[in-house]
N, C-alpha and C. Protein backbone atom coordinates (compact mmCIF):
# COMPACT_ATOMS: atom_id res chain seq x y z
N MET A 1 39.83 144.47 16.59
CA MET A 1 38.72 145.33 16.25
C MET A 1 38.65 146.44 17.28
N THR A 2 38.45 147.63 16.82
CA THR A 2 38.32 148.74 17.74
C THR A 2 36.88 148.85 18.20
N GLU A 3 36.68 149.43 19.38
CA GLU A 3 35.33 149.52 19.93
C GLU A 3 34.40 150.34 19.07
N ASP A 4 34.92 151.29 18.29
CA ASP A 4 34.06 152.13 17.48
C ASP A 4 33.82 151.57 16.08
N SER A 5 34.32 150.38 15.81
CA SER A 5 34.10 149.76 14.51
C SER A 5 32.62 149.42 14.35
N ALA A 6 32.08 149.67 13.16
CA ALA A 6 30.65 149.49 12.93
C ALA A 6 30.28 148.04 12.65
N GLU A 7 31.21 147.23 12.19
CA GLU A 7 30.89 145.86 11.80
C GLU A 7 30.83 144.95 13.01
N SER A 8 29.69 144.29 13.18
CA SER A 8 29.56 143.28 14.23
C SER A 8 30.05 141.95 13.70
N ALA A 9 30.66 141.17 14.55
CA ALA A 9 31.18 139.87 14.17
C ALA A 9 30.05 138.87 14.01
N THR A 10 30.12 138.07 12.95
CA THR A 10 29.20 136.96 12.72
C THR A 10 30.04 135.74 12.34
N ARG A 11 29.41 134.61 12.27
CA ARG A 11 30.10 133.38 11.86
C ARG A 11 30.80 133.56 10.51
N GLN A 12 30.23 134.37 9.64
CA GLN A 12 30.78 134.57 8.31
C GLN A 12 31.92 135.59 8.27
N SER A 13 32.23 136.21 9.41
CA SER A 13 33.26 137.25 9.46
C SER A 13 34.68 136.72 9.45
N TRP A 14 34.85 135.42 9.63
CA TRP A 14 36.21 134.85 9.72
C TRP A 14 36.26 133.59 8.87
N PRO A 15 37.28 133.44 8.04
CA PRO A 15 37.36 132.26 7.16
C PRO A 15 37.76 130.99 7.94
N ASN A 16 37.42 129.87 7.36
CA ASN A 16 37.90 128.56 7.85
C ASN A 16 37.46 128.19 9.25
N ILE A 17 36.26 128.55 9.63
CA ILE A 17 35.76 128.12 10.93
C ILE A 17 35.41 126.64 10.84
N LYS A 18 35.93 125.88 11.75
CA LYS A 18 35.62 124.46 11.83
C LYS A 18 34.49 124.28 12.86
N PRO A 19 33.69 123.23 12.72
CA PRO A 19 32.62 123.00 13.71
C PRO A 19 33.19 122.64 15.08
N LEU A 20 32.33 122.74 16.08
CA LEU A 20 32.75 122.32 17.41
C LEU A 20 33.18 120.87 17.38
N PRO A 21 34.20 120.50 18.13
CA PRO A 21 34.66 119.11 18.13
C PRO A 21 33.61 118.17 18.72
N GLU A 22 33.64 116.92 18.29
CA GLU A 22 32.73 115.89 18.83
C GLU A 22 32.99 115.69 20.32
N GLN A 23 34.25 115.60 20.69
CA GLN A 23 34.61 115.39 22.08
C GLN A 23 34.67 116.76 22.78
N ARG A 24 33.86 116.90 23.83
CA ARG A 24 33.78 118.17 24.55
C ARG A 24 33.82 117.91 26.04
N ALA A 25 34.26 118.92 26.76
CA ALA A 25 34.27 118.84 28.22
C ALA A 25 33.54 120.07 28.75
N PRO A 26 32.51 119.88 29.55
CA PRO A 26 31.80 121.04 30.09
C PRO A 26 32.64 121.77 31.14
N LEU A 27 32.49 123.06 31.16
CA LEU A 27 33.14 123.90 32.15
C LEU A 27 32.07 124.86 32.66
N SER A 28 31.71 124.72 33.90
CA SER A 28 30.62 125.52 34.45
C SER A 28 31.17 126.76 35.14
N ILE A 29 30.80 127.92 34.58
CA ILE A 29 31.18 129.20 35.16
C ILE A 29 29.93 130.07 35.17
N GLU A 30 29.59 130.61 36.31
CA GLU A 30 28.45 131.52 36.38
C GLU A 30 28.98 132.91 36.62
N ARG A 31 28.53 133.83 35.78
CA ARG A 31 28.98 135.22 35.87
C ARG A 31 27.87 136.10 35.36
N THR A 32 27.60 137.18 36.05
CA THR A 32 26.60 138.14 35.61
C THR A 32 27.32 139.31 34.95
N PHE A 33 26.82 139.71 33.78
CA PHE A 33 27.41 140.81 33.04
C PHE A 33 26.43 141.98 32.98
N THR A 34 26.95 143.16 32.92
CA THR A 34 26.12 144.35 32.77
C THR A 34 25.59 144.41 31.33
N GLU A 35 24.62 145.27 31.10
CA GLU A 35 24.11 145.44 29.74
C GLU A 35 25.22 145.93 28.81
N GLU A 36 26.09 146.78 29.30
CA GLU A 36 27.19 147.29 28.49
C GLU A 36 28.14 146.16 28.10
N GLU A 37 28.44 145.28 29.05
CA GLU A 37 29.32 144.14 28.75
C GLU A 37 28.65 143.21 27.74
N TYR A 38 27.35 142.96 27.90
CA TYR A 38 26.64 142.09 26.96
C TYR A 38 26.63 142.71 25.56
N ASP A 39 26.52 144.03 25.49
CA ASP A 39 26.57 144.71 24.19
C ASP A 39 27.92 144.48 23.52
N LEU A 40 29.00 144.46 24.30
CA LEU A 40 30.32 144.15 23.74
C LEU A 40 30.34 142.73 23.19
N PHE A 41 29.75 141.78 23.92
CA PHE A 41 29.66 140.41 23.42
C PHE A 41 28.87 140.36 22.13
N ARG A 42 27.75 141.08 22.11
CA ARG A 42 26.88 141.09 20.93
C ARG A 42 27.64 141.62 19.72
N HIS A 43 28.51 142.59 19.94
CA HIS A 43 29.30 143.18 18.86
C HIS A 43 30.40 142.23 18.39
N GLY A 44 30.97 141.46 19.30
CA GLY A 44 32.00 140.49 18.97
C GLY A 44 33.35 141.13 18.74
N LEU A 45 34.27 140.32 18.20
CA LEU A 45 35.64 140.77 17.93
C LEU A 45 36.13 140.09 16.67
N ILE A 46 36.51 140.88 15.69
CA ILE A 46 37.09 140.36 14.45
C ILE A 46 38.56 140.76 14.46
N PRO A 47 39.48 139.80 14.40
CA PRO A 47 40.90 140.13 14.43
C PRO A 47 41.28 141.01 13.23
N GLU A 48 42.12 142.00 13.50
CA GLU A 48 42.57 142.89 12.43
C GLU A 48 44.06 142.77 12.17
N VAL A 49 44.82 142.41 13.19
CA VAL A 49 46.27 142.26 13.07
C VAL A 49 46.70 140.95 13.71
N MET A 50 47.90 140.52 13.43
CA MET A 50 48.41 139.23 13.91
C MET A 50 48.34 139.12 15.44
N GLU A 51 48.49 140.23 16.14
CA GLU A 51 48.47 140.20 17.60
C GLU A 51 47.07 139.95 18.16
N ASP A 52 46.04 140.12 17.34
CA ASP A 52 44.67 139.81 17.77
C ASP A 52 44.51 138.30 17.72
N LYS A 53 44.49 137.67 18.86
CA LYS A 53 44.53 136.20 18.92
C LYS A 53 43.16 135.54 18.88
N TRP A 54 42.07 136.30 19.06
CA TRP A 54 40.76 135.70 19.19
C TRP A 54 39.75 136.30 18.21
N PHE A 55 38.89 135.43 17.68
CA PHE A 55 37.71 135.82 16.91
C PHE A 55 36.54 135.44 17.79
N ILE A 56 35.65 136.40 18.09
CA ILE A 56 34.54 136.17 19.02
C ILE A 56 33.25 136.67 18.39
N PHE A 57 32.21 135.83 18.46
CA PHE A 57 30.90 136.28 17.97
C PHE A 57 29.80 135.64 18.79
N LEU A 58 28.65 136.32 18.83
CA LEU A 58 27.48 135.84 19.56
C LEU A 58 26.43 135.42 18.55
N GLU A 59 25.91 134.21 18.73
CA GLU A 59 24.89 133.67 17.81
C GLU A 59 23.89 132.88 18.63
N ASP A 60 22.62 133.28 18.58
CA ASP A 60 21.55 132.59 19.32
C ASP A 60 21.90 132.42 20.80
N ASP A 61 22.38 133.48 21.42
CA ASP A 61 22.76 133.51 22.83
C ASP A 61 23.85 132.50 23.19
N VAL A 62 24.65 132.10 22.20
CA VAL A 62 25.84 131.29 22.46
C VAL A 62 27.03 132.14 22.03
N LEU A 63 27.96 132.33 22.94
CA LEU A 63 29.15 133.12 22.66
C LEU A 63 30.24 132.17 22.18
N TYR A 64 30.73 132.40 20.99
CA TYR A 64 31.75 131.54 20.38
C TYR A 64 33.09 132.25 20.40
N PHE A 65 34.12 131.49 20.72
CA PHE A 65 35.50 131.97 20.72
C PHE A 65 36.30 131.08 19.79
N GLN A 66 37.12 131.67 18.97
CA GLN A 66 38.04 130.88 18.16
C GLN A 66 39.41 131.53 18.25
N LYS A 67 40.36 130.78 18.77
CA LYS A 67 41.74 131.27 18.77
C LYS A 67 42.21 131.21 17.33
N THR A 68 42.69 132.30 16.81
CA THR A 68 42.98 132.39 15.39
C THR A 68 44.00 131.36 14.93
N SER A 69 44.95 130.99 15.76
CA SER A 69 45.95 130.00 15.36
C SER A 69 45.46 128.56 15.56
N PHE A 70 44.41 128.37 16.33
CA PHE A 70 43.91 127.03 16.65
C PHE A 70 42.87 126.55 15.64
N ASN A 71 42.09 127.47 15.12
CA ASN A 71 41.11 127.18 14.08
C ASN A 71 40.01 126.22 14.53
N ARG A 72 39.68 126.22 15.80
CA ARG A 72 38.55 125.46 16.34
C ARG A 72 37.72 126.39 17.21
N LEU A 73 36.43 126.14 17.24
CA LEU A 73 35.54 126.97 18.06
C LEU A 73 35.44 126.46 19.48
N LEU A 74 35.28 127.37 20.40
CA LEU A 74 34.92 127.10 21.78
C LEU A 74 33.61 127.86 21.97
N SER A 75 32.74 127.39 22.85
CA SER A 75 31.46 128.09 23.02
C SER A 75 31.09 128.22 24.49
N ALA A 76 30.25 129.22 24.76
CA ALA A 76 29.72 129.45 26.10
C ALA A 76 28.31 130.00 25.93
N TYR A 77 27.40 129.56 26.76
CA TYR A 77 26.03 130.09 26.70
C TYR A 77 25.98 131.44 27.38
N ALA A 78 25.30 132.36 26.76
CA ALA A 78 25.14 133.70 27.30
C ALA A 78 23.70 134.11 27.12
N SER A 79 23.17 134.84 28.06
CA SER A 79 21.81 135.34 27.89
C SER A 79 21.74 136.76 28.43
N PRO A 80 20.91 137.58 27.80
CA PRO A 80 20.82 138.99 28.19
C PRO A 80 20.21 139.15 29.57
């Protein structure tokens, strides 16, 4: 997805999303992001070509990542 694309990523933007796995391992990372960086998260990323390996969307202050070939979600909590 290009930065000037108007469509924001949502859960419905990518087919075949599987739920988070039952077995999970917490990974604690603390990082502060600027408002501009958070806006990029809010916009997300919808893969457009095969080289785009990640689908990313923000939902209820949880940032979800899905590697397109893996077809499973990973999540991280984010807050503005």
